[in-house]
Amino acid sequence: MPISATGNQRASRILSLRPTPSARGFTLLELMLVMAVMAVVAGLVLPNLFQPARGSLDDSARRMVRLLHLAAEEAQLRGTSLRFNAWADHYNFELAGESGQWALLTEPPFTRRDLPDDVRVSEVKLAEGVAFYGSLSGRSDKPDSPASSQADSQAGDKAAGEQPPLGSVVLMSDGMLTLADVNLHSSSGDVHIELRPGPGGIHLTEPGS
């Protein structure tokens, strides 16, 4: 039995029973505080885990708006029309050629753009009473009739072995364009791109607005 420096055996026993700092446990207050912090963190994190992310949808919509703005500027700089064609999973740009046919643009940034797997173009909707513009006559910005435009478009798609686009928008050299709305969809929601003439005419809009 160890003996204390004073020779008191009982005092030595009491000292040996006191917990050392390394053996000290958590108090009830500390445990409650930790549980409260964990509950707050879980409340912030868990809803985001079960909610689909909108990142790819918003990024795809903003990228499309930027490219449409650039295409509108390019049409004015070149003095001819550009055409935006949208399929469910991708889109591209075409340039009006000398012979009145549309030529696929393969130079950046107007190369074909594939959408992420979870993002799709659901609709290209024209404004009331406006028809899609098709092939051009020469370098004129005047659109052909809807019937001939549709025939030219289908012939070009058949020759390329590709399904017809959901819709096309022509951006003219004078700043005018096809009045339309492009709708993008994903599991996280929908995004609408409105196309109207003017510097701020191509922009994102709230669903249902």
N, C-alpha and C. Protein backbone atom coordinates (compact mmCIF):
# COMPACT_ATOMS: atom_id res chain seq x y z
N MET A 1 0.85 -1.20 0.00
CA MET A 1 0.00 0.00 0.00
C MET A 1 0.88 1.24 0.00
N PRO A 2 0.68 2.13 -0.99
CA PRO A 2 1.54 3.34 -1.00
C PRO A 2 1.25 4.25 0.19
N ILE A 3 2.27 4.86 0.62
CA ILE A 3 2.19 5.76 1.77
C ILE A 3 2.47 7.17 1.29
N SER A 4 1.67 8.15 1.76
CA SER A 4 1.88 9.54 1.35
C SER A 4 3.12 10.09 2.00
N ALA A 5 3.53 11.26 1.50
CA ALA A 5 4.72 11.89 2.05
C ALA A 5 4.55 12.22 3.52
N THR A 6 3.34 12.43 3.91
CA THR A 6 3.10 12.75 5.33
C THR A 6 2.94 11.50 6.16
N GLY A 7 2.92 10.32 5.46
CA GLY A 7 2.76 9.09 6.20
C GLY A 7 1.31 8.74 6.45
N ASN A 8 0.35 9.49 5.86
CA ASN A 8 -1.06 9.24 6.10
C ASN A 8 -1.56 8.28 5.03
N GLN A 9 -1.83 7.03 5.40
CA GLN A 9 -2.25 6.02 4.45
C GLN A 9 -3.63 6.31 3.87
N ARG A 10 -4.58 6.86 4.63
CA ARG A 10 -5.94 7.16 4.17
C ARG A 10 -5.95 8.28 3.14
N ALA A 11 -5.17 9.29 3.38
CA ALA A 11 -5.08 10.40 2.43
C ALA A 11 -4.50 9.94 1.11
N SER A 12 -3.56 9.01 1.15
CA SER A 12 -2.97 8.49 -0.08
C SER A 12 -3.99 7.72 -0.88
N ARG A 13 -4.88 6.96 -0.20
CA ARG A 13 -5.90 6.20 -0.90
C ARG A 13 -6.90 7.13 -1.58
N ILE A 14 -7.30 8.21 -0.92
CA ILE A 14 -8.25 9.17 -1.50
C ILE A 14 -7.68 9.83 -2.74
N LEU A 15 -6.39 10.18 -2.68
CA LEU A 15 -5.75 10.82 -3.82
C LEU A 15 -5.66 9.87 -5.01
N SER A 16 -5.43 8.61 -4.75
CA SER A 16 -5.30 7.64 -5.83
C SER A 16 -6.62 7.36 -6.53
N LEU A 17 -7.77 7.62 -5.84
CA LEU A 17 -9.08 7.40 -6.44
C LEU A 17 -9.58 8.56 -7.29
N ARG A 18 -8.97 9.72 -7.23
CA ARG A 18 -9.39 10.88 -8.02
C ARG A 18 -9.05 10.66 -9.50
N PRO A 19 -10.00 10.95 -10.42
CA PRO A 19 -9.71 10.74 -11.85
C PRO A 19 -8.65 11.70 -12.36
N THR A 20 -7.77 11.17 -13.18
CA THR A 20 -6.76 12.02 -13.81
C THR A 20 -7.41 12.81 -14.94
N PRO A 21 -6.79 13.91 -15.41
CA PRO A 21 -7.37 14.70 -16.50
C PRO A 21 -7.64 13.89 -17.75
N SER A 22 -6.75 12.89 -18.05
CA SER A 22 -6.93 12.10 -19.27
C SER A 22 -8.09 11.13 -19.16
N ALA A 23 -8.50 10.79 -17.98
CA ALA A 23 -9.59 9.83 -17.78
C ALA A 23 -10.93 10.50 -17.56
N ARG A 24 -10.97 11.82 -17.65
CA ARG A 24 -12.19 12.56 -17.38
C ARG A 24 -13.19 12.38 -18.52
N GLY A 25 -14.47 12.08 -18.25
CA GLY A 25 -15.50 11.89 -19.26
C GLY A 25 -16.22 13.18 -19.59
N PHE A 26 -17.25 13.06 -20.50
CA PHE A 26 -18.04 14.21 -20.89
C PHE A 26 -19.17 14.43 -19.88
N THR A 27 -19.45 15.68 -19.66
CA THR A 27 -20.58 16.00 -18.80
C THR A 27 -21.87 15.96 -19.62
N LEU A 28 -22.99 15.91 -18.94
CA LEU A 28 -24.28 15.88 -19.62
C LEU A 28 -24.48 17.14 -20.46
N LEU A 29 -24.03 18.28 -19.97
CA LEU A 29 -24.16 19.54 -20.70
C LEU A 29 -23.38 19.51 -22.00
N GLU A 30 -22.17 18.95 -21.96
CA GLU A 30 -21.35 18.87 -23.16
C GLU A 30 -21.98 17.95 -24.20
N LEU A 31 -22.53 16.82 -23.77
CA LEU A 31 -23.18 15.91 -24.69
C LEU A 31 -24.39 16.55 -25.35
N MET A 32 -25.19 17.29 -24.56
CA MET A 32 -26.36 17.96 -25.11
C MET A 32 -25.96 19.03 -26.12
N LEU A 33 -24.84 19.72 -25.83
CA LEU A 33 -24.37 20.76 -26.76
C LEU A 33 -23.93 20.14 -28.08
N VAL A 34 -23.21 19.01 -28.03
CA VAL A 34 -22.77 18.34 -29.26
C VAL A 34 -23.97 17.86 -30.06
N MET A 35 -24.96 17.30 -29.40
CA MET A 35 -26.14 16.81 -30.10
C MET A 35 -26.92 17.96 -30.75
N ALA A 36 -26.96 19.10 -30.09
CA ALA A 36 -27.65 20.25 -30.66
C ALA A 36 -26.94 20.74 -31.93
N VAL A 37 -25.61 20.78 -31.89
CA VAL A 37 -24.84 21.21 -33.07
C VAL A 37 -25.06 20.23 -34.22
N MET A 38 -25.05 18.93 -33.93
CA MET A 38 -25.26 17.92 -34.98
C MET A 38 -26.66 18.04 -35.59
N ALA A 39 -27.64 18.36 -34.76
CA ALA A 39 -29.01 18.52 -35.28
C ALA A 39 -29.11 19.71 -36.22
N VAL A 40 -28.43 20.81 -35.88
CA VAL A 40 -28.45 21.99 -36.74
C VAL A 40 -27.77 21.70 -38.07
N VAL A 41 -26.60 21.04 -38.02
CA VAL A 41 -25.87 20.71 -39.26
C VAL A 41 -26.70 19.78 -40.13
N ALA A 42 -27.32 18.78 -39.52
CA ALA A 42 -28.15 17.84 -40.28
C ALA A 42 -29.33 18.56 -40.94
N GLY A 43 -29.91 19.52 -40.25
CA GLY A 43 -31.03 20.27 -40.82
C GLY A 43 -30.64 21.10 -42.02
N LEU A 44 -29.37 21.52 -42.07
CA LEU A 44 -28.90 22.32 -43.20
C LEU A 44 -28.46 21.46 -44.37
N VAL A 45 -27.90 20.30 -44.09
CA VAL A 45 -27.29 19.48 -45.13
C VAL A 45 -28.28 18.50 -45.76
N LEU A 46 -29.07 17.83 -44.94
CA LEU A 46 -29.93 16.76 -45.46
C LEU A 46 -30.91 17.21 -46.53
N PRO A 47 -31.58 18.38 -46.40
CA PRO A 47 -32.50 18.78 -47.48
C PRO A 47 -31.82 18.92 -48.83
N ASN A 48 -30.56 19.38 -48.84
CA ASN A 48 -29.83 19.53 -50.09
C ASN A 48 -29.44 18.19 -50.71
N LEU A 49 -29.29 17.17 -49.86
CA LEU A 49 -28.93 15.85 -50.37
C LEU A 49 -30.07 15.22 -51.14
N PHE A 50 -31.29 15.50 -50.75
CA PHE A 50 -32.45 14.89 -51.38
C PHE A 50 -33.12 15.80 -52.40
N GLN A 51 -32.55 16.97 -52.64
CA GLN A 51 -33.11 17.91 -53.62
C GLN A 51 -32.22 17.95 -54.84
N PRO A 52 -32.76 17.72 -56.06
CA PRO A 52 -31.92 17.73 -57.26
C PRO A 52 -31.20 19.07 -57.43
N ALA A 53 -29.95 19.00 -57.86
CA ALA A 53 -29.15 20.21 -58.04
C ALA A 53 -29.55 20.90 -59.34
N ARG A 54 -29.57 22.23 -59.35
CA ARG A 54 -29.92 23.01 -60.54
C ARG A 54 -28.68 23.51 -61.27
N GLY A 55 -27.51 23.13 -60.76
CA GLY A 55 -26.29 23.69 -61.33
C GLY A 55 -26.16 23.48 -62.81
N SER A 56 -26.32 22.25 -63.30
CA SER A 56 -26.12 21.97 -64.71
C SER A 56 -27.20 22.64 -65.56
N LEU A 57 -28.43 22.72 -65.05
CA LEU A 57 -29.52 23.37 -65.79
C LEU A 57 -29.24 24.86 -65.94
N ASP A 58 -28.91 25.53 -64.84
CA ASP A 58 -28.65 26.97 -64.89
C ASP A 58 -27.42 27.28 -65.74
N ASP A 59 -26.37 26.47 -65.60
CA ASP A 59 -25.16 26.68 -66.40
C ASP A 59 -25.45 26.52 -67.89
N SER A 60 -26.22 25.50 -68.24
CA SER A 60 -26.55 25.27 -69.65
C SER A 60 -27.37 26.42 -70.21
N ALA A 61 -28.33 26.93 -69.43
CA ALA A 61 -29.17 28.04 -69.89
C ALA A 61 -28.35 29.31 -70.06
N ARG A 62 -27.47 29.61 -69.10
CA ARG A 62 -26.65 30.82 -69.22
C ARG A 62 -25.69 30.72 -70.40
N ARG A 63 -25.14 29.53 -70.63
CA ARG A 63 -24.23 29.34 -71.77
C ARG A 63 -24.98 29.55 -73.09
N MET A 64 -26.20 29.04 -73.17
CA MET A 64 -26.98 29.20 -74.38
C MET A 64 -27.32 30.67 -74.64
N VAL A 65 -27.66 31.40 -73.58
CA VAL A 65 -27.96 32.83 -73.72
C VAL A 65 -26.73 33.59 -74.22
N ARG A 66 -25.56 33.29 -73.65
CA ARG A 66 -24.33 33.96 -74.09
C ARG A 66 -24.05 33.69 -75.56
N LEU A 67 -24.22 32.43 -75.99
CA LEU A 67 -23.95 32.10 -77.38
C LEU A 67 -24.95 32.75 -78.32
N LEU A 68 -26.20 32.85 -77.90
CA LEU A 68 -27.19 33.53 -78.73
C LEU A 68 -26.86 35.01 -78.88
N HIS A 69 -26.40 35.64 -77.80
CA HIS A 69 -25.96 37.04 -77.89
C HIS A 69 -24.79 37.17 -78.87
N LEU A 70 -23.81 36.25 -78.75
CA LEU A 70 -22.66 36.30 -79.64
C LEU A 70 -23.07 36.07 -81.09
N ALA A 71 -24.03 35.16 -81.31
CA ALA A 71 -24.50 34.89 -82.66
C ALA A 71 -25.20 36.11 -83.26
N ALA A 72 -25.97 36.82 -82.43
CA ALA A 72 -26.63 38.04 -82.91
C ALA A 72 -25.60 39.09 -83.31
N GLU A 73 -24.54 39.23 -82.51
CA GLU A 73 -23.47 40.18 -82.85
C GLU A 73 -22.71 39.73 -84.10
N GLU A 74 -22.48 38.41 -84.21
CA GLU A 74 -21.76 37.88 -85.37
C GLU A 74 -22.54 38.12 -86.66
N ALA A 75 -23.86 37.97 -86.59
CA ALA A 75 -24.68 38.21 -87.78
C ALA A 75 -24.57 39.65 -88.25
N GLN A 76 -24.53 40.58 -87.33
CA GLN A 76 -24.43 41.99 -87.70
C GLN A 76 -23.03 42.31 -88.22
N LEU A 77 -22.00 41.69 -87.64
CA LEU A 77 -20.64 41.93 -88.10
C LEU A 77 -20.40 41.36 -89.49
N ARG A 78 -20.94 40.19 -89.76
CA ARG A 78 -20.75 39.55 -91.06
C ARG A 78 -21.69 40.11 -92.12
N GLY A 79 -22.76 40.76 -91.70
CA GLY A 79 -23.73 41.28 -92.66
C GLY A 79 -24.60 40.21 -93.28
N THR A 80 -24.79 39.11 -92.59
CA THR A 80 -25.65 38.03 -93.06
C THR A 80 -26.30 37.36 -91.86
N SER A 81 -27.17 36.41 -92.12
CA SER A 81 -27.94 35.81 -91.03
C SER A 81 -27.27 34.55 -90.49
N LEU A 82 -27.51 34.30 -89.21
CA LEU A 82 -27.13 33.05 -88.56
C LEU A 82 -28.40 32.36 -88.09
N ARG A 83 -28.34 31.03 -88.05
CA ARG A 83 -29.50 30.27 -87.59
C ARG A 83 -29.12 29.37 -86.42
N PHE A 84 -29.94 29.42 -85.39
CA PHE A 84 -29.78 28.58 -84.21
C PHE A 84 -30.76 27.42 -84.31
N ASN A 85 -30.26 26.19 -84.27
CA ASN A 85 -31.09 24.99 -84.35
C ASN A 85 -30.98 24.21 -83.05
N ALA A 86 -32.12 23.83 -82.47
CA ALA A 86 -32.12 23.15 -81.18
C ALA A 86 -32.78 21.78 -81.29
N TRP A 87 -32.06 20.76 -80.86
CA TRP A 87 -32.60 19.42 -80.68
C TRP A 87 -32.77 19.18 -79.17
N ALA A 88 -33.30 18.03 -78.81
CA ALA A 88 -33.53 17.76 -77.39
C ALA A 88 -32.22 17.72 -76.61
N ASP A 89 -31.16 17.18 -77.20
CA ASP A 89 -29.92 16.96 -76.45
C ASP A 89 -28.74 17.79 -76.94
N HIS A 90 -28.94 18.62 -77.97
CA HIS A 90 -27.83 19.44 -78.45
C HIS A 90 -28.38 20.59 -79.30
N TYR A 91 -27.48 21.50 -79.69
CA TYR A 91 -27.85 22.59 -80.59
C TYR A 91 -26.63 23.02 -81.39
N ASN A 92 -26.89 23.70 -82.51
CA ASN A 92 -25.78 24.19 -83.32
C ASN A 92 -26.16 25.51 -83.98
N PHE A 93 -25.20 26.07 -84.72
CA PHE A 93 -25.41 27.34 -85.42
C PHE A 93 -25.03 27.16 -86.88
N GLU A 94 -25.79 27.83 -87.74
CA GLU A 94 -25.52 27.79 -89.18
C GLU A 94 -25.41 29.21 -89.72
N LEU A 95 -24.67 29.34 -90.82
CA LEU A 95 -24.47 30.63 -91.47
C LEU A 95 -25.11 30.60 -92.85
N ALA A 96 -25.79 31.70 -93.22
CA ALA A 96 -26.39 31.80 -94.55
C ALA A 96 -25.29 31.95 -95.59
N GLY A 97 -25.27 31.05 -96.56
CA GLY A 97 -24.23 31.08 -97.58
C GLY A 97 -24.62 31.90 -98.80
N GLU A 98 -23.67 31.99 -99.75
CA GLU A 98 -23.88 32.77 -100.97
C GLU A 98 -25.04 32.21 -101.80
N SER A 99 -25.20 30.88 -101.80
CA SER A 99 -26.22 30.26 -102.64
C SER A 99 -27.58 30.20 -101.97
N GLY A 100 -27.69 30.75 -100.78
CA GLY A 100 -28.96 30.74 -100.08
C GLY A 100 -29.15 29.54 -99.19
N GLN A 101 -28.16 28.66 -99.11
CA GLN A 101 -28.23 27.50 -98.24
C GLN A 101 -27.55 27.79 -96.90
N TRP A 102 -27.92 26.99 -95.91
CA TRP A 102 -27.33 27.15 -94.59
C TRP A 102 -26.10 26.26 -94.46
N ALA A 103 -24.99 26.82 -94.00
CA ALA A 103 -23.75 26.08 -93.80
C ALA A 103 -23.46 25.98 -92.31
N LEU A 104 -23.17 24.77 -91.84
CA LEU A 104 -22.91 24.54 -90.43
C LEU A 104 -21.65 25.28 -89.99
N LEU A 105 -21.75 26.02 -88.89
CA LEU A 105 -20.58 26.71 -88.34
C LEU A 105 -19.78 25.73 -87.47
N THR A 106 -18.49 25.62 -87.79
CA THR A 106 -17.63 24.70 -87.03
C THR A 106 -16.49 25.42 -86.33
N GLU A 107 -16.55 26.75 -86.31
CA GLU A 107 -15.51 27.52 -85.65
C GLU A 107 -15.98 27.96 -84.27
N PRO A 108 -15.09 27.90 -83.26
CA PRO A 108 -15.49 28.33 -81.90
C PRO A 108 -15.93 29.79 -81.92
N PRO A 109 -16.88 30.19 -81.08
CA PRO A 109 -17.57 29.35 -80.09
C PRO A 109 -18.87 28.75 -80.61
N PHE A 110 -19.03 28.69 -81.95
CA PHE A 110 -20.32 28.28 -82.52
C PHE A 110 -20.34 26.81 -82.95
N THR A 111 -19.41 26.02 -82.43
CA THR A 111 -19.44 24.59 -82.71
C THR A 111 -20.63 23.94 -82.02
N ARG A 112 -20.96 22.73 -82.43
CA ARG A 112 -22.08 22.01 -81.84
C ARG A 112 -21.90 21.89 -80.33
N ARG A 113 -22.98 22.09 -79.60
CA ARG A 113 -22.97 22.01 -78.14
C ARG A 113 -23.90 20.89 -77.68
N ASP A 114 -23.35 19.92 -76.97
CA ASP A 114 -24.15 18.84 -76.39
C ASP A 114 -24.55 19.23 -74.97
N LEU A 115 -25.80 19.00 -74.64
CA LEU A 115 -26.30 19.31 -73.30
C LEU A 115 -25.94 18.19 -72.33
N PRO A 116 -25.82 18.50 -71.03
CA PRO A 116 -25.60 17.45 -70.03
C PRO A 116 -26.72 16.41 -70.07
N ASP A 117 -26.43 15.22 -69.55
CA ASP A 117 -27.39 14.12 -69.62
C ASP A 117 -28.71 14.44 -68.94
N ASP A 118 -28.67 15.28 -67.90
CA ASP A 118 -29.90 15.56 -67.15
C ASP A 118 -30.61 16.83 -67.62
N VAL A 119 -30.14 17.44 -68.71
CA VAL A 119 -30.75 18.67 -69.22
C VAL A 119 -31.22 18.42 -70.66
N ARG A 120 -32.43 18.84 -70.97
CA ARG A 120 -32.99 18.67 -72.30
C ARG A 120 -33.71 19.95 -72.74
N VAL A 121 -33.67 20.21 -74.05
CA VAL A 121 -34.52 21.26 -74.63
C VAL A 121 -35.90 20.63 -74.82
N SER A 122 -36.87 21.13 -74.10
CA SER A 122 -38.21 20.54 -74.15
C SER A 122 -39.07 21.15 -75.24
N GLU A 123 -38.79 22.43 -75.61
CA GLU A 123 -39.65 23.10 -76.59
C GLU A 123 -38.97 24.35 -77.11
N VAL A 124 -39.18 24.62 -78.38
CA VAL A 124 -38.84 25.91 -78.98
C VAL A 124 -40.16 26.49 -79.49
N LYS A 125 -40.69 27.42 -78.75
CA LYS A 125 -42.05 27.92 -79.01
C LYS A 125 -41.97 29.31 -79.64
N LEU A 126 -42.65 29.45 -80.76
CA LEU A 126 -42.68 30.73 -81.45
C LEU A 126 -43.71 31.66 -80.83
N ALA A 127 -43.44 32.96 -80.98
CA ALA A 127 -44.43 33.94 -80.55
C ALA A 127 -45.67 33.83 -81.44
N GLU A 128 -46.76 34.34 -80.96
CA GLU A 128 -48.05 34.22 -81.64
C GLU A 128 -47.98 34.75 -83.07
N GLY A 129 -48.36 33.90 -84.02
CA GLY A 129 -48.46 34.33 -85.41
C GLY A 129 -47.16 34.45 -86.15
N VAL A 130 -46.04 33.90 -85.62
CA VAL A 130 -44.75 33.99 -86.29
C VAL A 130 -44.34 32.61 -86.74
N ALA A 131 -43.86 32.48 -87.98
CA ALA A 131 -43.43 31.19 -88.53
C ALA A 131 -41.91 31.08 -88.45
N PHE A 132 -41.41 29.85 -88.43
CA PHE A 132 -39.97 29.65 -88.44
C PHE A 132 -39.39 30.14 -89.76
N TYR A 133 -38.19 30.69 -89.69
CA TYR A 133 -37.50 31.11 -90.90
C TYR A 133 -36.66 29.95 -91.41
N GLY A 134 -36.64 29.75 -92.71
CA GLY A 134 -35.85 28.65 -93.26
C GLY A 134 -34.72 29.16 -94.12
N SER A 135 -34.51 28.51 -95.28
CA SER A 135 -33.41 28.89 -96.16
C SER A 135 -33.62 30.31 -96.67
N LEU A 136 -32.51 30.99 -96.95
CA LEU A 136 -32.58 32.37 -97.42
C LEU A 136 -32.36 32.42 -98.92
N SER A 137 -32.89 33.43 -99.50
CA SER A 137 -32.69 33.66 -100.94
C SER A 137 -31.46 34.54 -101.11
N GLY A 138 -30.38 33.97 -101.62
CA GLY A 138 -29.13 34.71 -101.73
C GLY A 138 -28.62 35.07 -100.35
N ARG A 139 -28.19 36.33 -100.17
CA ARG A 139 -27.73 36.80 -98.87
C ARG A 139 -28.76 37.70 -98.23
N SER A 140 -29.95 37.69 -98.77
CA SER A 140 -31.01 38.53 -98.22
C SER A 140 -31.45 38.00 -96.87
N ASP A 141 -31.92 38.88 -96.00
CA ASP A 141 -32.44 38.48 -94.70
C ASP A 141 -33.92 38.17 -94.77
N LYS A 142 -34.52 38.27 -95.95
CA LYS A 142 -35.95 38.00 -96.07
C LYS A 142 -36.19 36.50 -96.01
N PRO A 143 -37.06 36.03 -95.10
CA PRO A 143 -37.29 34.58 -95.00
C PRO A 143 -38.18 34.09 -96.12
N ASP A 144 -37.95 32.81 -96.49
CA ASP A 144 -38.84 32.18 -97.46
C ASP A 144 -40.19 31.91 -96.81
N SER A 145 -41.12 31.38 -97.60
CA SER A 145 -42.41 31.03 -97.05
C SER A 145 -42.26 29.86 -96.09
N PRO A 146 -43.16 29.71 -95.11
CA PRO A 146 -43.05 28.60 -94.16
C PRO A 146 -43.00 27.24 -94.83
N ALA A 147 -43.75 27.04 -95.92
CA ALA A 147 -43.79 25.74 -96.58
C ALA A 147 -42.43 25.40 -97.18
N SER A 148 -41.84 26.35 -97.92
CA SER A 148 -40.55 26.08 -98.54
C SER A 148 -39.46 25.98 -97.50
N SER A 149 -39.57 26.75 -96.43
CA SER A 149 -38.57 26.69 -95.36
C SER A 149 -38.58 25.32 -94.71
N GLN A 150 -39.77 24.79 -94.46
CA GLN A 150 -39.87 23.49 -93.82
C GLN A 150 -39.34 22.40 -94.74
N ALA A 151 -39.62 22.51 -96.05
CA ALA A 151 -39.13 21.51 -97.00
C ALA A 151 -37.61 21.52 -97.07
N ASP A 152 -37.03 22.73 -97.13
CA ASP A 152 -35.57 22.84 -97.18
C ASP A 152 -34.93 22.28 -95.93
N SER A 153 -35.55 22.58 -94.78
CA SER A 153 -35.01 22.11 -93.51
C SER A 153 -35.06 20.60 -93.43
N GLN A 154 -36.19 19.99 -93.83
CA GLN A 154 -36.32 18.55 -93.77
C GLN A 154 -35.37 17.87 -94.74
N ALA A 155 -35.16 18.49 -95.93
CA ALA A 155 -34.24 17.91 -96.90
C ALA A 155 -32.82 17.90 -96.36
N GLY A 156 -32.44 19.01 -95.71
CA GLY A 156 -31.11 19.09 -95.14
C GLY A 156 -30.92 18.10 -94.01
N ASP A 157 -31.93 17.94 -93.18
CA ASP A 157 -31.84 16.99 -92.07
C ASP A 157 -31.74 15.56 -92.59
N LYS A 158 -32.51 15.25 -93.64
CA LYS A 158 -32.51 13.89 -94.17
C LYS A 158 -31.15 13.59 -94.79
N ALA A 159 -30.57 14.59 -95.47
CA ALA A 159 -29.26 14.39 -96.08
C ALA A 159 -28.19 14.17 -95.02
N ALA A 160 -28.33 14.84 -93.90
CA ALA A 160 -27.34 14.73 -92.83
C ALA A 160 -27.61 13.51 -91.95
N GLY A 161 -28.72 12.81 -92.17
CA GLY A 161 -29.03 11.64 -91.37
C GLY A 161 -29.42 11.98 -89.95
N GLU A 162 -29.99 13.15 -89.75
CA GLU A 162 -30.35 13.59 -88.41
C GLU A 162 -31.83 13.96 -88.36
N GLN A 163 -32.43 13.76 -87.21
CA GLN A 163 -33.83 14.13 -87.04
C GLN A 163 -33.99 15.64 -87.15
N PRO A 164 -35.14 16.13 -87.61
CA PRO A 164 -35.37 17.58 -87.68
C PRO A 164 -35.27 18.19 -86.29
N PRO A 165 -34.80 19.43 -86.21
CA PRO A 165 -34.70 20.08 -84.89
C PRO A 165 -36.09 20.37 -84.32
N LEU A 166 -36.11 20.57 -83.02
CA LEU A 166 -37.36 20.99 -82.38
C LEU A 166 -37.78 22.36 -82.87
N GLY A 167 -36.83 23.18 -83.23
CA GLY A 167 -37.12 24.51 -83.74
C GLY A 167 -35.84 25.23 -84.11
N SER A 168 -36.00 26.30 -84.89
CA SER A 168 -34.86 27.10 -85.34
C SER A 168 -35.17 28.57 -85.14
N VAL A 169 -34.14 29.33 -84.87
CA VAL A 169 -34.27 30.78 -84.69
C VAL A 169 -33.25 31.45 -85.58
N VAL A 170 -33.70 32.39 -86.41
CA VAL A 170 -32.81 33.13 -87.30
C VAL A 170 -32.46 34.47 -86.65
N LEU A 171 -31.18 34.75 -86.62
CA LEU A 171 -30.67 36.04 -86.12
C LEU A 171 -30.15 36.81 -87.32
N MET A 172 -30.77 37.96 -87.63
CA MET A 172 -30.51 38.67 -88.87
C MET A 172 -29.45 39.76 -88.69
N SER A 173 -28.95 40.21 -89.84
CA SER A 173 -27.87 41.19 -89.83
C SER A 173 -28.32 42.57 -89.37
N ASP A 174 -29.63 42.81 -89.38
CA ASP A 174 -30.13 44.12 -88.95
C ASP A 174 -30.55 44.12 -87.48
N GLY A 175 -30.25 43.04 -86.76
CA GLY A 175 -30.58 42.98 -85.34
C GLY A 175 -31.91 42.33 -85.04
N MET A 176 -32.70 42.03 -86.07
CA MET A 176 -33.97 41.35 -85.86
C MET A 176 -33.73 39.85 -85.71
N LEU A 177 -34.71 39.17 -85.15
CA LEU A 177 -34.60 37.73 -84.98
C LEU A 177 -35.99 37.12 -84.87
N THR A 178 -36.02 35.79 -84.95
CA THR A 178 -37.28 35.08 -84.79
C THR A 178 -37.74 35.21 -83.34
N LEU A 179 -38.97 35.65 -83.14
CA LEU A 179 -39.50 35.79 -81.80
C LEU A 179 -39.87 34.41 -81.27
N ALA A 180 -39.18 33.97 -80.23
CA ALA A 180 -39.39 32.61 -79.75
C ALA A 180 -38.99 32.49 -78.28
N ASP A 181 -39.41 31.38 -77.69
CA ASP A 181 -39.01 31.01 -76.33
C ASP A 181 -38.44 29.60 -76.37
N VAL A 182 -37.26 29.43 -75.80
CA VAL A 182 -36.62 28.13 -75.71
C VAL A 182 -36.75 27.64 -74.28
N ASN A 183 -37.34 26.47 -74.11
CA ASN A 183 -37.56 25.91 -72.78
C ASN A 183 -36.61 24.76 -72.53
N LEU A 184 -35.88 24.83 -71.43
CA LEU A 184 -34.99 23.77 -71.01
C LEU A 184 -35.56 23.09 -69.77
N HIS A 185 -35.41 21.76 -69.70
CA HIS A 185 -36.00 21.00 -68.60
C HIS A 185 -34.97 20.05 -68.01
N SER A 186 -35.05 19.88 -66.69
CA SER A 186 -34.28 18.84 -65.99
C SER A 186 -35.11 18.38 -64.80
N SER A 187 -34.61 17.39 -64.08
CA SER A 187 -35.34 16.88 -62.92
C SER A 187 -35.48 17.93 -61.82
N SER A 188 -34.65 18.97 -61.87
CA SER A 188 -34.71 20.02 -60.84
C SER A 188 -35.65 21.15 -61.19
N GLY A 189 -36.18 21.17 -62.44
CA GLY A 189 -37.10 22.25 -62.79
C GLY A 189 -37.00 22.62 -64.26
N ASP A 190 -37.46 23.84 -64.57
CA ASP A 190 -37.48 24.33 -65.94
C ASP A 190 -36.88 25.73 -66.00
N VAL A 191 -36.32 26.04 -67.17
CA VAL A 191 -35.76 27.37 -67.43
C VAL A 191 -36.26 27.81 -68.80
N HIS A 192 -36.63 29.09 -68.92
CA HIS A 192 -37.13 29.64 -70.17
C HIS A 192 -36.18 30.73 -70.66
N ILE A 193 -35.86 30.66 -71.94
CA ILE A 193 -35.05 31.71 -72.58
C ILE A 193 -35.93 32.44 -73.56
N GLU A 194 -36.06 33.73 -73.38
CA GLU A 194 -36.91 34.54 -74.24
C GLU A 194 -36.06 35.24 -75.28
N LEU A 195 -36.46 35.17 -76.54
CA LEU A 195 -35.75 35.82 -77.64
C LEU A 195 -36.62 36.90 -78.25
N ARG A 196 -36.17 38.14 -78.10
CA ARG A 196 -36.87 39.29 -78.64
C ARG A 196 -35.83 40.24 -79.23
N PRO A 197 -36.21 41.14 -80.14
CA PRO A 197 -35.23 42.08 -80.71
C PRO A 197 -34.70 43.04 -79.65
N GLY A 198 -33.53 43.59 -79.91
CA GLY A 198 -32.95 44.58 -79.01
C GLY A 198 -31.78 44.03 -78.22
N PRO A 199 -30.95 44.93 -77.65
CA PRO A 199 -29.76 44.50 -76.91
C PRO A 199 -30.07 43.56 -75.75
N GLY A 200 -31.17 43.81 -75.04
CA GLY A 200 -31.51 42.95 -73.91
C GLY A 200 -32.63 41.98 -74.22
N GLY A 201 -32.84 41.71 -75.51
CA GLY A 201 -33.98 40.89 -75.89
C GLY A 201 -33.79 39.40 -75.70
N ILE A 202 -32.56 38.95 -75.47
CA ILE A 202 -32.30 37.54 -75.25
C ILE A 202 -31.93 37.37 -73.78
N HIS A 203 -32.83 36.77 -73.00
CA HIS A 203 -32.58 36.68 -71.57
C HIS A 203 -33.39 35.54 -70.95
N LEU A 204 -33.00 35.17 -69.75
CA LEU A 204 -33.72 34.15 -68.99
C LEU A 204 -34.96 34.77 -68.37
N THR A 205 -36.04 34.01 -68.32
CA THR A 205 -37.25 34.48 -67.67
C THR A 205 -37.70 33.45 -66.65
N GLU A 206 -38.47 33.90 -65.68
CA GLU A 206 -39.01 32.99 -64.67
C GLU A 206 -40.09 32.11 -65.28
N PRO A 207 -40.16 30.83 -64.88
CA PRO A 207 -41.21 29.96 -65.40
C PRO A 207 -42.59 30.53 -65.14
N GLY A 208 -43.42 30.53 -66.17
CA GLY A 208 -44.77 31.03 -66.03
C GLY A 208 -44.92 32.52 -66.20
N SER A 209 -43.79 33.23 -66.40
CA SER A 209 -43.88 34.69 -66.54
C SER A 209 -44.23 35.07 -67.97
